[in-house]
Amino acid sequence: MTNHATSPWSDSLRQQTRDAIEEMPITPDGRLHFKHATRGYAFAALEDLFNSRLLLRSKTGGGDWLFEDVEALLEAGWAVD
C-alpha cells in the first residue's frame, strides 16, 4: 500500500504496534488486531506474520492490505488495537 497518510496515533501506540508485530503475541483467535481512523478494523493472521507476510484483512469485508514492513503499515495509518 503506498498511501502516505499522516498517522493519527500517538508515538506510544506506534511503538506498541512495532513491538506487537515483532513479538507476535499468542491470541485465542490466532490474530493480531488493528485499527484505522477511516478504514475501520482489520486483523493479521499470526500464521502470515510467522511467514514474514504483513497482510491485513478487513473485519467488514472492505479488502486486504499488504505492507512491505511495519513502517509502511504505520505510514498508512494502521495501529495495533
Protein backbone atom coordinates (compact mmCIF):
# COMPACT_ATOMS: atom_id res chain seq x y z
CA MET A 1 0.00 0.00 0.00
CA THR A 2 1.52 3.31 -1.00
CA ASN A 3 -0.85 5.66 0.82
CA HIS A 4 1.31 8.01 2.89
CA ALA A 5 -1.35 9.40 5.22
CA THR A 6 -0.27 11.04 8.43
CA SER A 7 -0.90 8.68 11.32
CA PRO A 8 -3.47 9.87 13.87
CA TRP A 9 -1.93 7.61 16.52
CA SER A 10 0.46 8.58 19.32
CA ASP A 11 4.15 7.73 19.25
CA SER A 12 3.50 5.32 22.11
CA LEU A 13 0.83 3.41 20.16
CA ARG A 14 3.04 3.37 17.08
CA GLN A 15 5.81 1.76 19.18
CA GLN A 16 3.33 -0.72 20.67
CA THR A 17 2.40 -1.67 17.10
CA ARG A 18 6.05 -2.26 16.17
CA ASP A 19 6.53 -4.36 19.32
CA ALA A 20 3.37 -6.43 18.78
CA ILE A 21 4.33 -7.29 15.20
CA GLU A 22 7.85 -8.22 16.28
CA GLU A 23 6.74 -10.28 19.30
CA MET A 24 3.62 -11.84 17.69
CA PRO A 25 1.70 -12.45 20.92
CA ILE A 26 -0.39 -15.60 21.07
CA THR A 27 -4.07 -14.73 20.94
CA PRO A 28 -7.04 -17.08 21.36
CA ASP A 29 -8.24 -16.40 17.81
CA GLY A 30 -4.78 -16.59 16.17
CA ARG A 31 -4.94 -12.97 15.01
CA LEU A 32 -3.32 -9.65 15.74
CA HIS A 33 -5.95 -6.89 15.61
CA PHE A 34 -5.52 -3.42 14.06
CA LYS A 35 -7.47 -0.19 13.74
CA HIS A 36 -7.53 2.68 11.26
CA ALA A 37 -9.19 6.07 11.70
CA THR A 38 -11.19 5.81 8.45
CA ARG A 39 -10.90 2.21 7.23
CA GLY A 40 -12.12 0.65 10.47
CA TYR A 41 -10.74 -2.60 11.82
CA ALA A 42 -8.62 -5.39 10.39
CA PHE A 43 -6.53 -8.32 11.52
CA ALA A 44 -3.32 -10.08 10.60
CA ALA A 45 -3.25 -13.86 10.97
CA LEU A 46 -0.33 -14.95 13.15
CA GLU A 47 0.47 -17.57 10.51
CA ASP A 48 1.06 -14.79 7.97
CA LEU A 49 3.22 -12.87 10.45
CA PHE A 50 5.27 -16.01 11.21
CA ASN A 51 5.93 -16.22 7.47
CA SER A 52 7.02 -12.56 7.28
CA ARG A 53 3.85 -11.54 5.44
CA LEU A 54 2.27 -8.35 6.78
CA LEU A 55 -1.23 -8.77 5.35
CA LEU A 56 -4.20 -7.03 6.99
CA ARG A 57 -7.68 -8.35 6.27
CA SER A 58 -10.71 -6.14 6.84
CA LYS A 59 -13.12 -7.34 9.51
CA THR A 60 -16.03 -6.00 7.46
CA GLY A 61 -15.09 -7.27 4.01
CA GLY A 62 -13.52 -3.96 2.96
CA GLY A 63 -10.46 -5.54 1.40
CA ASP A 64 -6.97 -6.72 2.18
CA TRP A 65 -3.84 -4.62 2.53
CA LEU A 66 -0.32 -5.99 2.10
CA PHE A 67 2.60 -4.00 3.52
CA GLU A 68 6.32 -4.30 2.92
CA ASP A 69 7.12 -3.62 6.56
CA VAL A 70 5.72 -2.22 9.80
CA GLU A 71 6.78 1.32 8.92
CA ALA A 72 4.68 1.20 5.74
CA LEU A 73 1.73 -0.06 7.80
CA LEU A 74 2.17 2.80 10.27
CA GLU A 75 2.52 5.39 7.49
CA ALA A 76 -0.75 4.14 6.04
CA GLY A 77 -2.46 4.94 9.35
CA TRP A 78 -2.84 1.49 10.91
CA ALA A 79 -2.07 0.67 14.56
CA VAL A 80 -2.49 -2.31 16.84
CA ASP A 81 -5.90 -2.40 18.52
